[in-house]
Amino acid sequence: MKNINFDQLASDLDSIKMDTLSKVGQQDANYIRSVVRKQRVCEWSGRILLMLGFIQPLLWVAGVLLLALAKVLDNMEIGHNVMHGQYDWMNDKQLNSQHFEWDIACDGQSWHRVHNFEHHTYTNIIGKDRDFGYGLLRLSDDFKWRFKNVWQFFTYINLSVLFQWGVSYHELAAERVFIGKKKENREGGVSHATLKQRFFSKGARQLIKDYAVFPLLAGPLFLWVLAGNLVANLIRNLWTSTIIFCGHFTEDTETFKQEDCINESQGQWYYRQVLGSSNIKGPNWFHVLTGHLSCQIEHHLFPDMPSSRYQEVAPQVQAVMQKHGIDYHTGGFFKQYGSVLKRIIRYSFK
């Protein structure tokens, strides 16, 4: 590690955090409730327009886009952030991290374990953070090259297309529930039977809702609604996958060894979060559609801070990084996404 005053770094970032959290209140409650209302309007407007496609195909297209927008908002700005506990202080059961269940195949409790705890605690520590490459992609020299890595770009495309199912299956794959031998040093806190039950239960609910219930309710317009739900889910999968990869796997993001993170101080933990993340520049609507994960650095530093505050604290965090001589990875969408693709291709080969 660089010659950095980690105690001062922690103090500087803690000051930003405490100052911002002291401002959290009715404005933030109004914001998230407004997003929820807009998400619901988009969803039901979209579902209605899907059934009007026989009158004018453009109405079907509008319905698909509105439904996809609703699914993106539910997944990113609402679901992901609510399940981080960003709005638990509101004492609203519908926006409580322990009760919320989102509109994707991944079981909420599995997300809590693998993402909220493992990923955010052990960000980019090889062997501890199972989100790094998702067990499918070789994205650093920390992993031995295998012949299957030659076609990992196509693996990435498939993962993006089926992203909600990849996220849903992620914990089961890591625990070797169906395939492979469980790693000796891996102690799962949930039985395989429970993991399988929750995986199939949540997945079945999503499949039945999107590809049976709503299409059947449409009667003779069954195929219009079925196709619309399929395309809306595809758009949501591609968008969420792209944003998450841009925040975690640009060429700039660094990895860490387990032995280097033993007895890690708060300042060292902050340092690792910053170097293991990348931001994406864009207008306000873009930040909302990313669930403010366009400010991935700030999210990794302050995961329980209401996401709409990240744009406010980002310049402050960047100034602190400049003060301490720490790289702050940021760039436009196309720059960051291009960097992700380069990294995937680069590590496809020895």
Protein backbone atom coordinates (compact mmCIF):
# COMPACT_ATOMS: atom_id res chain seq x y z
CA MET A 1 0.00 0.00 0.00
CA LYS A 2 1.05 3.57 -0.60
CA ASN A 3 2.40 5.70 2.24
CA ILE A 4 -1.01 6.98 3.28
CA ASN A 5 -2.21 8.30 6.61
CA PHE A 6 -5.11 5.87 6.96
CA ASP A 7 -6.29 7.33 10.25
CA GLN A 8 -6.66 10.74 8.63
CA LEU A 9 -8.33 9.18 5.58
CA ALA A 10 -10.87 7.49 7.86
CA SER A 11 -11.46 10.73 9.74
CA ASP A 12 -12.02 12.69 6.53
CA LEU A 13 -14.50 10.16 5.11
CA ASP A 14 -16.26 9.63 8.44
CA SER A 15 -16.77 13.39 8.61
CA ILE A 16 -18.43 13.39 5.18
CA LYS A 17 -20.60 10.45 6.17
CA MET A 18 -21.77 11.88 9.49
CA ASP A 19 -22.41 15.33 8.04
CA THR A 20 -24.51 13.88 5.23
CA LEU A 21 -26.45 11.43 7.40
CA SER A 22 -27.32 14.30 9.76
CA LYS A 23 -29.26 15.87 6.87
CA VAL A 24 -31.23 12.72 6.03
CA GLY A 25 -34.94 13.14 6.70
CA GLN A 26 -38.25 14.02 5.12
CA GLN A 27 -36.67 15.05 1.80
CA ASP A 28 -35.22 11.56 1.39
CA ALA A 29 -38.49 9.89 2.43
CA ASN A 30 -40.40 11.98 -0.09
CA TYR A 31 -37.87 11.09 -2.78
CA ILE A 32 -38.04 7.32 -2.43
CA ARG A 33 -41.84 7.34 -2.13
CA SER A 34 -42.00 9.45 -5.28
CA VAL A 35 -39.82 6.91 -7.11
CA VAL A 36 -42.07 4.07 -5.91
CA ARG A 37 -45.18 5.89 -7.19
CA LYS A 38 -43.57 6.53 -10.57
CA GLN A 39 -42.44 2.91 -10.77
CA ARG A 40 -45.99 1.69 -10.22
CA VAL A 41 -47.43 4.11 -12.78
CA CYS A 42 -44.86 2.93 -15.33
CA GLU A 43 -45.59 -0.71 -14.61
CA TRP A 44 -49.36 -0.57 -14.97
CA SER A 45 -49.26 1.85 -17.89
CA GLY A 46 -46.85 -0.50 -19.59
CA ARG A 47 -48.98 -3.58 -18.95
CA ILE A 48 -52.08 -1.85 -20.34
CA LEU A 49 -50.27 -0.63 -23.46
CA LEU A 50 -48.96 -4.14 -24.14
CA MET A 51 -52.57 -5.22 -24.69
CA LEU A 52 -53.24 -2.35 -27.09
CA GLY A 53 -50.54 -3.42 -29.50
CA PHE A 54 -53.10 -4.98 -31.83
CA ILE A 55 -54.46 -1.48 -32.45
CA GLN A 56 -51.08 0.13 -33.11
CA PRO A 57 -47.75 -1.75 -32.75
CA LEU A 58 -46.11 1.45 -31.46
CA LEU A 59 -48.36 1.21 -28.40
CA TRP A 60 -46.87 -2.22 -27.72
CA VAL A 61 -43.35 -0.78 -28.06
CA ALA A 62 -44.26 2.00 -25.62
CA GLY A 63 -45.67 -0.61 -23.26
CA VAL A 64 -42.46 -2.64 -23.39
CA LEU A 65 -40.32 0.43 -22.67
CA LEU A 66 -42.51 1.54 -19.76
CA LEU A 67 -42.55 -1.94 -18.24
CA ALA A 68 -38.77 -2.22 -18.67
CA LEU A 69 -38.38 1.19 -17.00
CA ALA A 70 -40.54 0.01 -14.09
CA LYS A 71 -38.44 -3.13 -13.71
CA VAL A 72 -35.21 -1.11 -13.79
CA LEU A 73 -36.49 1.29 -11.12
CA ASP A 74 -37.70 -1.60 -8.96
CA ASN A 75 -34.38 -3.41 -9.31
CA MET A 76 -31.93 -0.51 -9.03
CA GLU A 77 -33.18 2.66 -7.33
CA ILE A 78 -35.76 0.93 -5.12
CA GLY A 79 -34.91 -2.73 -4.47
CA HIS A 80 -31.14 -2.66 -4.29
CA ASN A 81 -31.06 0.44 -2.10
CA VAL A 82 -33.96 -0.50 0.16
CA MET A 83 -32.36 -3.89 0.84
CA HIS A 84 -29.18 -2.11 1.90
CA GLY A 85 -31.20 -0.57 4.73
CA GLN A 86 -30.96 2.94 3.33
CA TYR A 87 -34.55 3.67 4.38
CA ASP A 88 -34.96 1.51 7.48
CA TRP A 89 -35.03 4.70 9.58
CA MET A 90 -38.43 5.52 8.04
CA ASN A 91 -40.08 2.58 9.88
CA ASP A 92 -42.08 1.88 6.72
CA LYS A 93 -42.56 -1.89 6.33
CA GLN A 94 -42.79 -1.58 2.54
CA LEU A 95 -39.37 0.09 2.46
CA ASN A 96 -37.67 -2.01 5.14
CA SER A 97 -34.62 -4.06 4.22
CA GLN A 98 -35.84 -7.14 6.10
CA HIS A 99 -39.27 -7.25 4.45
CA PHE A 100 -38.73 -5.97 0.91
CA GLU A 101 -38.78 -8.46 -1.98
CA TRP A 102 -37.94 -7.25 -5.45
CA ASP A 103 -39.24 -8.14 -8.92
CA ILE A 104 -36.40 -10.39 -10.05
CA ALA A 105 -35.64 -14.11 -9.73
CA CYS A 106 -33.04 -13.65 -6.98
CA ASP A 107 -34.30 -14.35 -3.47
CA GLY A 108 -33.86 -11.29 -1.26
CA GLN A 109 -32.29 -13.21 1.62
CA SER A 110 -29.68 -14.72 -0.70
CA TRP A 111 -28.85 -11.21 -1.91
CA HIS A 112 -28.38 -10.05 1.67
CA ARG A 113 -25.87 -12.82 2.35
CA VAL A 114 -23.80 -12.79 -0.84
CA HIS A 115 -23.98 -9.12 -1.79
CA ASN A 116 -24.67 -7.01 1.27
CA PHE A 117 -22.38 -8.96 3.59
CA GLU A 118 -19.75 -10.78 1.51
CA HIS A 119 -19.24 -8.36 -1.35
CA HIS A 120 -19.43 -5.15 0.67
CA THR A 121 -17.25 -6.50 3.46
CA TYR A 122 -14.61 -8.20 1.33
CA THR A 123 -14.76 -6.08 -1.83
CA ASN A 124 -12.31 -7.45 -4.44
CA ILE A 125 -10.42 -9.65 -1.96
CA ILE A 126 -9.62 -12.72 -4.02
CA GLY A 127 -11.03 -15.82 -2.42
CA LYS A 128 -13.44 -13.86 -0.22
CA ASP A 129 -15.51 -11.73 -2.62
CA ARG A 130 -17.47 -14.16 -4.79
CA ASP A 131 -18.85 -11.26 -6.84
CA PHE A 132 -15.47 -10.71 -8.51
CA GLY A 133 -16.02 -12.37 -11.88
CA TYR A 134 -19.02 -14.29 -10.52
CA GLY A 135 -17.06 -17.53 -10.75
CA LEU A 136 -17.45 -17.37 -14.53
CA LEU A 137 -15.03 -14.74 -15.80
CA ARG A 138 -11.26 -14.41 -15.39
CA LEU A 139 -10.70 -10.70 -14.80
CA SER A 140 -7.22 -10.61 -13.27
CA ASP A 141 -3.96 -12.55 -13.08
CA ASP A 142 -5.03 -13.71 -9.62
CA PHE A 143 -6.79 -16.57 -11.40
CA LYS A 144 -5.11 -19.31 -13.37
CA TRP A 145 -5.88 -19.22 -17.08
CA ARG A 146 -8.08 -22.02 -18.38
CA PHE A 147 -9.01 -22.88 -21.93
CA LYS A 148 -12.66 -21.96 -21.29
CA ASN A 149 -11.53 -18.36 -20.78
CA VAL A 150 -10.97 -18.08 -24.54
CA TRP A 151 -14.72 -17.71 -25.05
CA GLN A 152 -15.49 -15.78 -21.87
CA PHE A 153 -16.71 -12.77 -23.86
CA PHE A 154 -19.64 -14.93 -24.99
CA THR A 155 -20.05 -16.15 -21.42
CA TYR A 156 -20.35 -12.49 -20.42
CA ILE A 157 -23.01 -11.88 -23.10
CA ASN A 158 -25.01 -14.89 -21.91
CA LEU A 159 -24.68 -13.75 -18.30
CA SER A 160 -25.97 -10.29 -19.22
CA VAL A 161 -28.95 -11.65 -21.16
CA LEU A 162 -29.91 -13.93 -18.25
CA PHE A 163 -28.61 -11.65 -15.51
CA GLN A 164 -31.46 -12.03 -13.03
CA TRP A 165 -31.02 -15.81 -13.20
CA GLY A 166 -27.25 -15.54 -12.86
CA VAL A 167 -27.68 -13.43 -9.73
CA SER A 168 -30.30 -15.87 -8.43
CA TYR A 169 -28.06 -18.90 -8.98
CA HIS A 170 -24.88 -17.20 -7.75
CA GLU A 171 -25.00 -18.40 -4.14
CA LEU A 172 -25.98 -21.95 -5.12
CA ALA A 173 -23.11 -22.14 -7.60
CA ALA A 174 -20.63 -20.87 -5.02
CA GLU A 175 -21.88 -23.39 -2.45
CA ARG A 176 -21.70 -26.19 -5.06
CA VAL A 177 -25.34 -27.08 -4.41
CA PHE A 178 -25.89 -28.87 -7.72
CA ILE A 179 -22.49 -29.24 -9.36
CA GLY A 180 -18.93 -29.53 -8.05
CA LYS A 181 -17.21 -30.29 -4.78
CA LYS A 182 -17.70 -27.82 -1.95
CA LYS A 183 -14.54 -26.00 -0.94
CA GLU A 184 -13.18 -27.13 2.42
CA ASN A 185 -12.80 -23.60 3.82
CA ARG A 186 -16.31 -22.57 2.80
CA GLU A 187 -18.81 -22.68 5.65
CA GLY A 188 -22.28 -21.90 4.41
CA GLY A 189 -24.76 -20.64 6.98
CA VAL A 190 -27.78 -22.00 5.10
CA SER A 191 -28.52 -25.63 4.26
CA HIS A 192 -28.51 -26.78 0.65
CA ALA A 193 -32.15 -27.82 1.01
CA THR A 194 -33.14 -24.28 2.04
CA LEU A 195 -31.10 -22.71 -0.77
CA LYS A 196 -32.77 -24.95 -3.34
CA GLN A 197 -36.24 -24.37 -1.92
CA ARG A 198 -35.90 -20.58 -2.00
CA PHE A 199 -34.23 -20.61 -5.43
CA PHE A 200 -36.99 -22.65 -7.07
CA SER A 201 -39.79 -20.91 -5.14
CA LYS A 202 -38.76 -17.36 -6.08
CA GLY A 203 -37.86 -18.32 -9.65
CA ALA A 204 -41.19 -20.09 -10.16
CA ARG A 205 -43.12 -17.07 -8.87
CA GLN A 206 -41.36 -14.82 -11.37
CA LEU A 207 -41.91 -17.20 -14.29
CA ILE A 208 -45.58 -17.74 -13.45
CA LYS A 209 -46.24 -14.02 -12.95
CA ASP A 210 -44.58 -12.79 -16.16
CA TYR A 211 -45.18 -15.70 -18.52
CA ALA A 212 -48.46 -17.22 -17.34
CA VAL A 213 -50.65 -14.99 -15.12
CA PHE A 214 -50.41 -11.69 -17.00
CA PRO A 215 -50.48 -13.28 -20.48
CA LEU A 216 -53.51 -15.41 -19.50
CA LEU A 217 -55.31 -12.36 -18.10
CA ALA A 218 -54.88 -10.79 -21.55
CA GLY A 219 -56.94 -13.58 -23.14
CA PRO A 220 -56.61 -13.47 -26.93
CA LEU A 221 -53.71 -11.03 -26.54
CA PHE A 222 -51.69 -13.71 -24.73
CA LEU A 223 -48.74 -13.64 -27.14
CA TRP A 224 -48.53 -9.84 -27.18
CA VAL A 225 -48.21 -9.72 -23.40
CA LEU A 226 -45.93 -12.75 -23.22
CA ALA A 227 -43.53 -11.22 -25.75
CA GLY A 228 -43.70 -7.83 -24.05
CA ASN A 229 -42.79 -9.27 -20.65
CA LEU A 230 -39.93 -11.23 -22.21
CA VAL A 231 -38.45 -8.15 -23.92
CA ALA A 232 -38.93 -5.94 -20.83
CA ASN A 233 -37.05 -8.47 -18.69
CA LEU A 234 -34.30 -8.65 -21.30
CA ILE A 235 -33.87 -4.86 -21.32
CA ARG A 236 -33.74 -4.80 -17.51
CA ASN A 237 -31.18 -7.63 -17.45
CA LEU A 238 -28.89 -5.97 -20.00
CA TRP A 239 -29.09 -2.57 -18.29
CA THR A 240 -28.43 -3.80 -14.75
CA SER A 241 -25.61 -6.06 -15.87
CA THR A 242 -23.94 -3.26 -17.81
CA ILE A 243 -24.13 -0.78 -14.93
CA ILE A 244 -22.85 -3.28 -12.37
CA PHE A 245 -19.93 -4.29 -14.58
CA CYS A 246 -19.03 -0.63 -15.20
CA GLY A 247 -18.92 -0.05 -11.45
CA HIS A 248 -16.79 -3.08 -10.63
CA PHE A 249 -14.75 -4.33 -13.58
CA THR A 250 -13.19 -1.45 -15.49
CA GLU A 251 -9.48 -1.76 -16.22
CA ASP A 252 -8.75 0.61 -13.31
CA THR A 253 -10.31 -1.42 -10.50
CA GLU A 254 -7.80 -3.31 -8.34
CA THR A 255 -7.83 -6.63 -6.52
CA PHE A 256 -6.42 -7.51 -3.11
CA LYS A 257 -4.88 -10.54 -1.44
CA GLN A 258 -6.35 -11.95 1.76
CA GLU A 259 -3.08 -11.69 3.67
CA ASP A 260 -2.86 -7.96 2.89
CA CYS A 261 -6.25 -7.29 4.49
CA ILE A 262 -5.75 -8.99 7.86
CA ASN A 263 -6.53 -6.67 10.80
CA GLU A 264 -7.58 -4.00 8.33
CA SER A 265 -8.26 -0.58 9.86
CA GLN A 266 -11.28 1.54 8.90
CA GLY A 267 -9.04 3.74 6.76
CA GLN A 268 -7.58 0.74 4.96
CA TRP A 269 -11.08 -0.61 4.37
CA TYR A 270 -12.09 2.74 2.85
CA TYR A 271 -8.95 2.67 0.70
CA ARG A 272 -9.85 -0.77 -0.67
CA GLN A 273 -13.42 0.27 -1.43
CA VAL A 274 -12.25 3.24 -3.50
CA LEU A 275 -9.64 1.33 -5.51
CA GLY A 276 -12.04 -1.55 -6.12
CA SER A 277 -14.74 0.65 -7.67
CA SER A 278 -15.41 2.96 -10.62
CA ASN A 279 -17.93 5.74 -11.19
CA ILE A 280 -19.86 6.70 -14.32
CA LYS A 281 -20.55 10.31 -15.22
CA GLY A 282 -23.97 11.33 -16.51
CA PRO A 283 -27.06 13.54 -16.08
CA ASN A 284 -29.46 13.19 -13.17
CA TRP A 285 -31.91 10.86 -14.98
CA PHE A 286 -29.01 8.53 -15.75
CA HIS A 287 -28.01 8.38 -12.08
CA VAL A 288 -31.60 7.51 -11.12
CA LEU A 289 -31.80 4.70 -13.68
CA THR A 290 -28.55 3.24 -12.36
CA GLY A 291 -29.91 3.28 -8.82
CA HIS A 292 -27.10 5.81 -8.26
CA LEU A 293 -24.64 2.95 -8.74
CA SER A 294 -23.07 5.34 -11.21
CA CYS A 295 -21.54 6.58 -7.92
CA GLN A 296 -20.22 3.11 -7.13
CA ILE A 297 -17.28 4.48 -5.13
CA GLU A 298 -19.58 6.37 -2.79
CA HIS A 299 -21.92 3.38 -2.56
CA HIS A 300 -19.07 1.10 -1.52
CA LEU A 301 -17.93 3.65 1.05
CA PHE A 302 -21.39 4.38 2.45
CA PRO A 303 -23.75 1.52 1.46
CA ASP A 304 -26.46 2.46 3.96
CA MET A 305 -26.60 6.13 2.96
CA PRO A 306 -29.71 7.05 0.88
CA SER A 307 -28.56 6.72 -2.71
CA SER A 308 -29.84 10.12 -3.84
CA ARG A 309 -27.18 11.67 -1.57
CA TYR A 310 -24.30 10.12 -3.53
CA GLN A 311 -24.16 12.89 -6.13
CA GLU A 312 -23.88 15.38 -3.27
CA VAL A 313 -20.97 13.62 -1.56
CA ALA A 314 -19.09 12.48 -4.71
CA PRO A 315 -17.17 15.79 -5.19
CA GLN A 316 -16.26 15.74 -1.50
CA VAL A 317 -14.99 12.17 -1.71
CA GLN A 318 -13.01 12.96 -4.85
CA ALA A 319 -11.39 15.93 -3.09
CA VAL A 320 -10.38 13.69 -0.17
CA MET A 321 -8.86 11.16 -2.57
CA GLN A 322 -6.90 13.94 -4.29
CA LYS A 323 -5.68 15.16 -0.90
CA HIS A 324 -4.35 11.69 -0.02
CA GLY A 325 -3.00 10.87 -3.49
CA ILE A 326 -5.46 8.02 -4.09
CA ASP A 327 -6.80 7.26 -7.56
CA TYR A 328 -10.47 8.09 -8.08
CA HIS A 329 -11.79 6.13 -11.06
CA THR A 330 -14.47 7.92 -13.05
CA GLY A 331 -15.47 8.52 -16.65
CA GLY A 332 -18.33 8.68 -19.13
CA PHE A 333 -20.52 5.66 -19.83
CA PHE A 334 -18.91 4.66 -23.13
CA LYS A 335 -15.40 5.07 -21.72
CA GLN A 336 -16.19 2.89 -18.71
CA TYR A 337 -18.09 0.25 -20.66
CA GLY A 338 -15.34 0.08 -23.26
CA SER A 339 -12.86 -0.43 -20.42
CA VAL A 340 -14.96 -3.33 -19.10
CA LEU A 341 -15.00 -5.04 -22.49
CA LYS A 342 -11.24 -4.58 -22.84
CA ARG A 343 -10.69 -6.20 -19.45
CA ILE A 344 -12.90 -9.18 -20.31
CA ILE A 345 -11.08 -9.72 -23.61
CA ARG A 346 -7.62 -9.08 -22.16
CA TYR A 347 -7.94 -11.82 -19.55
CA SER A 348 -9.45 -14.25 -22.04
CA PHE A 349 -5.89 -15.11 -22.96
CA LYS A 350 -2.75 -16.02 -21.03
